[in-house]
Every structure is written in C-alpha cells, then in structure tokens.
Amino acid sequence: MTGTMWDDVDIRSARFHLRPIREDDVTQRYLDWFSGRGAAQISRHPGSLDALRVYVRERRNRPDVLFLAIRFAETGLHIGNLKFEPIDHERAGAVMGIFVGDESWQGKGVATETIRAAADWLHDRLGLRYLWLGVANDNLAALQAYQRSGFVKKISPLIPDNPDIHTMELELWRR
C-alpha cells in the first residue's frame, strides 16, 4: 500500500527513526510482541497476522491517525510503535499510545526519546499543542516514563473517565 498522506513523515532522534508503519512491518516477530510482558496493558490483541495487517491498513491513510514504526536507526530493526489516534485539530491535540514490543529495548529510554522527537514534529508540522494518554494505574514503569517525558496528570477531553486509568497531558509548546 503506497501513496498515503503520511508518507513524508520522517522523524529522527539520536537512536531511533520513526516512519509510518507499513504492512510489510507486520511480521510474526511483531505479532509475537502481543504475548510478551509489555502487552499486558494493551486492551485488544490481534489474533493473527491477517488481523494485525487489517489493523495497520485501516489506519494507514486516515487524516486523524499517525501510526509510526519505531526503528533502531543503526540497524533498522522494528522495536515498537508510536501512534496518535485521534488527532484532533480543533483541540490542537492528539491521543498518544506507545508500545515497545521488543523486550530487549524495554526500560532503555525508548519512550522518552521517541515521544520527545515526535512531540516536536507534531508541534512544528501540525501545530498541535497537546498530547493526551491513558495508562493503567498499576503500570508504574509507564507512568514514570511519561513523567520523564513531561506528561502531568490531567483529565483528557478525548479519553473517557475510568477509575482504573490515569490520564495525562503533555503541553507541547512549553517543552
């Protein structure tokens, strides 16, 4: 699948390259991430490669979704994903989700580094001012990573209220 509205997105940080996810990124290795320890907090798991391909395909050319593959720049290895869904231009923000599926990269600052790079891009290129996310109250590692990235506890206009979810906001222009 080629020629999508996000094809020109190319975000780089010191260690990582973020680019739109493609169907050829959907491999057995990617599917296997959903049976790893980092997937416990994900509410919906794809049951097959075909289901995962459909999930990626459905988001590829939507103007309200930017779905990025996180790749280790040195080798090109796909280690996770960073997704903004929905992007709400009226509120100048987006709901963010990140999944570092490759367990060998968990706890190594991937989230902090890639969120910062993507936040700068979203602010500079799309004029976004906020990122929002929801994280399970008991996911302490994720909460700490988000706090290191500058997120603070705040109600989100796009995430339903749930007592088991900690909602957070990052103000992009104040970074």
Protein backbone atom coordinates (compact mmCIF):
# COMPACT_ATOMS: atom_id res chain seq x y z
CA MET A 1 0.00 0.00 0.00
CA THR A 2 1.64 3.27 -1.09
CA GLY A 3 0.82 6.91 -1.58
CA THR A 4 -0.67 7.76 1.79
CA MET A 5 -0.97 11.24 3.24
CA TRP A 6 1.69 10.50 5.88
CA ASP A 7 4.40 9.14 3.54
CA ASP A 8 6.64 12.18 4.01
CA VAL A 9 6.85 11.75 7.80
CA ASP A 10 10.46 11.09 8.76
CA ILE A 11 11.28 11.71 12.41
CA ARG A 12 14.74 11.04 13.79
CA SER A 13 16.22 11.10 17.25
CA ALA A 14 19.70 10.18 18.46
CA ARG A 15 18.99 6.43 18.33
CA PHE A 16 15.70 5.97 16.51
CA HIS A 17 13.97 6.52 13.21
CA LEU A 18 10.19 6.92 13.21
CA ARG A 19 8.31 6.50 9.97
CA PRO A 20 4.77 5.49 9.04
CA ILE A 21 4.12 1.84 9.69
CA ARG A 22 3.56 -0.30 6.61
CA GLU A 23 2.01 -3.67 6.03
CA ASP A 24 5.46 -5.16 5.40
CA ASP A 25 6.29 -4.23 9.02
CA VAL A 26 3.66 -6.76 10.08
CA THR A 27 5.69 -9.87 10.73
CA GLN A 28 5.46 -12.86 13.04
CA ARG A 29 8.01 -11.11 15.26
CA TYR A 30 5.64 -8.10 15.57
CA LEU A 31 2.67 -10.37 16.31
CA ASP A 32 4.71 -12.18 18.97
CA TRP A 33 5.11 -8.90 20.88
CA PHE A 34 1.50 -9.29 21.98
CA SER A 35 2.37 -12.37 24.02
CA GLY A 36 5.25 -10.59 25.80
CA ARG A 37 5.27 -8.87 29.17
CA GLY A 38 4.82 -5.39 27.67
CA ALA A 39 1.48 -6.31 26.12
CA ALA A 40 -0.36 -6.92 29.38
CA GLN A 41 -1.69 -3.34 29.37
CA ILE A 42 -3.00 -3.43 25.78
CA SER A 43 -6.74 -3.89 25.73
CA ARG A 44 -7.10 -5.51 22.28
CA HIS A 45 -4.63 -8.04 20.92
CA PRO A 46 -4.70 -9.14 17.29
CA GLY A 47 -5.27 -12.86 16.94
CA SER A 48 -3.39 -13.38 13.70
CA LEU A 49 -1.07 -11.77 11.19
CA ASP A 50 -4.08 -11.11 8.97
CA ALA A 51 -5.89 -9.29 11.80
CA LEU A 52 -2.78 -7.24 12.53
CA ARG A 53 -2.41 -6.35 8.82
CA VAL A 54 -6.04 -5.20 8.73
CA TYR A 55 -5.46 -3.07 11.84
CA VAL A 56 -2.43 -1.39 10.23
CA ARG A 57 -4.17 -1.00 6.85
CA GLU A 58 -7.23 0.63 8.44
CA ARG A 59 -5.05 3.35 9.95
CA ARG A 60 -2.63 4.00 7.09
CA ASN A 61 -4.41 6.82 5.26
CA ARG A 62 -6.67 8.32 7.88
CA PRO A 63 -6.12 12.03 8.46
CA ASP A 64 -6.81 11.60 12.18
CA VAL A 65 -4.25 8.80 12.71
CA LEU A 66 -0.47 8.93 12.58
CA PHE A 67 0.85 5.41 13.21
CA LEU A 68 4.64 5.19 13.34
CA ALA A 69 7.08 2.30 13.43
CA ILE A 70 9.93 2.83 15.89
CA ARG A 71 13.12 1.52 14.32
CA PHE A 72 16.61 1.37 15.79
CA ALA A 73 18.42 3.74 13.43
CA GLU A 74 21.68 1.80 13.40
CA THR A 75 20.16 -1.46 12.13
CA GLY A 76 16.62 -0.62 11.01
CA LEU A 77 15.19 -3.15 13.48
CA HIS A 78 11.49 -2.53 14.19
CA ILE A 79 11.22 -2.42 18.00
CA GLY A 80 7.86 -0.80 18.65
CA ASN A 81 5.19 1.64 17.56
CA LEU A 82 4.05 5.14 18.43
CA LYS A 83 0.50 6.07 17.50
CA PHE A 84 -1.50 9.29 17.61
CA GLU A 85 -5.22 8.49 17.34
CA PRO A 86 -7.23 10.55 17.08
CA ILE A 87 -5.52 13.72 16.01
CA ASP A 88 -8.00 16.48 16.84
CA HIS A 89 -7.13 19.72 15.05
CA GLU A 90 -9.95 21.67 16.73
CA ARG A 91 -8.47 20.91 20.16
CA ALA A 92 -4.90 21.10 18.77
CA GLY A 93 -4.06 17.74 20.29
CA ALA A 94 -3.89 14.00 19.89
CA VAL A 95 -4.27 10.88 21.98
CA MET A 96 -0.98 9.02 22.09
CA GLY A 97 -0.13 5.38 22.57
CA ILE A 98 3.29 3.72 22.55
CA PHE A 99 4.24 0.07 22.56
CA VAL A 100 7.86 -1.01 22.82
CA GLY A 101 7.23 -4.61 21.88
CA ASP A 102 10.82 -5.79 21.62
CA GLU A 103 11.53 -6.76 25.23
CA SER A 104 15.27 -6.19 24.84
CA TRP A 105 14.51 -2.47 24.36
CA GLN A 106 12.09 -2.06 27.27
CA GLY A 107 13.41 0.13 30.08
CA LYS A 108 16.09 1.74 27.89
CA GLY A 109 14.58 5.19 27.35
CA VAL A 110 12.88 4.42 24.04
CA ALA A 111 9.60 6.04 25.11
CA THR A 112 11.19 9.22 26.43
CA GLU A 113 13.38 9.72 23.36
CA THR A 114 10.77 8.91 20.72
CA ILE A 115 7.97 10.86 22.41
CA ARG A 116 10.17 13.95 22.53
CA ALA A 117 11.12 13.67 18.86
CA ALA A 118 7.53 13.04 17.75
CA ALA A 119 6.15 15.82 20.00
CA ASP A 120 8.49 18.33 18.40
CA TRP A 121 7.45 17.18 14.92
CA LEU A 122 3.72 17.32 15.78
CA HIS A 123 4.07 20.81 17.19
CA ASP A 124 6.24 22.15 14.36
CA ARG A 125 4.46 20.48 11.43
CA LEU A 126 0.85 20.13 12.57
CA GLY A 127 0.61 22.93 15.12
CA LEU A 128 -0.51 20.58 17.88
CA ARG A 129 -0.31 21.89 21.42
CA TYR A 130 -1.27 18.84 23.49
CA LEU A 131 -0.78 15.11 23.73
CA TRP A 132 -3.04 13.04 25.95
CA LEU A 133 -2.76 9.47 27.06
CA GLY A 134 -4.33 6.98 29.38
CA VAL A 135 -2.28 4.48 31.34
CA ALA A 136 -3.34 1.80 33.81
CA ASN A 137 -2.90 2.98 37.38
CA ASP A 138 -0.72 -0.04 38.20
CA ASN A 139 1.65 0.42 35.24
CA LEU A 140 4.30 2.23 37.27
CA ALA A 141 7.09 1.89 34.70
CA ALA A 142 4.98 3.58 32.03
CA LEU A 143 3.84 6.31 34.43
CA GLN A 144 7.47 7.10 35.25
CA ALA A 145 8.48 7.13 31.57
CA TYR A 146 5.62 9.51 30.74
CA GLN A 147 6.53 11.80 33.63
CA ARG A 148 10.15 11.88 32.39
CA SER A 149 8.75 12.93 29.01
CA GLY A 150 6.91 15.85 30.65
CA PHE A 151 3.39 14.44 30.98
CA VAL A 152 1.37 15.51 34.03
CA LYS A 153 -1.83 14.11 35.46
CA LYS A 154 -4.77 15.85 33.83
CA ILE A 155 -8.23 14.99 32.56
CA SER A 156 -8.28 14.48 28.80
CA PRO A 157 -11.10 15.77 26.60
CA LEU A 158 -10.74 12.67 24.38
CA ILE A 159 -10.28 9.82 26.89
CA PRO A 160 -13.36 8.58 28.75
CA ASP A 161 -13.22 8.79 32.54
CA ASN A 162 -12.22 5.44 34.03
CA PRO A 163 -11.13 4.89 37.65
CA ASP A 164 -8.52 2.32 36.53
CA ILE A 165 -6.88 4.72 34.07
CA HIS A 166 -4.51 7.56 34.87
CA THR A 167 -4.96 10.30 32.23
CA MET A 168 -2.05 12.58 31.43
CA GLU A 169 -1.30 15.59 29.27
CA LEU A 170 1.82 16.98 27.66
CA GLU A 171 1.79 20.65 26.64
CA LEU A 172 3.94 20.72 23.52
CA TRP A 173 4.64 24.44 23.34
CA ARG A 174 6.03 24.53 26.89
CA ARG A 175 8.68 21.90 26.36
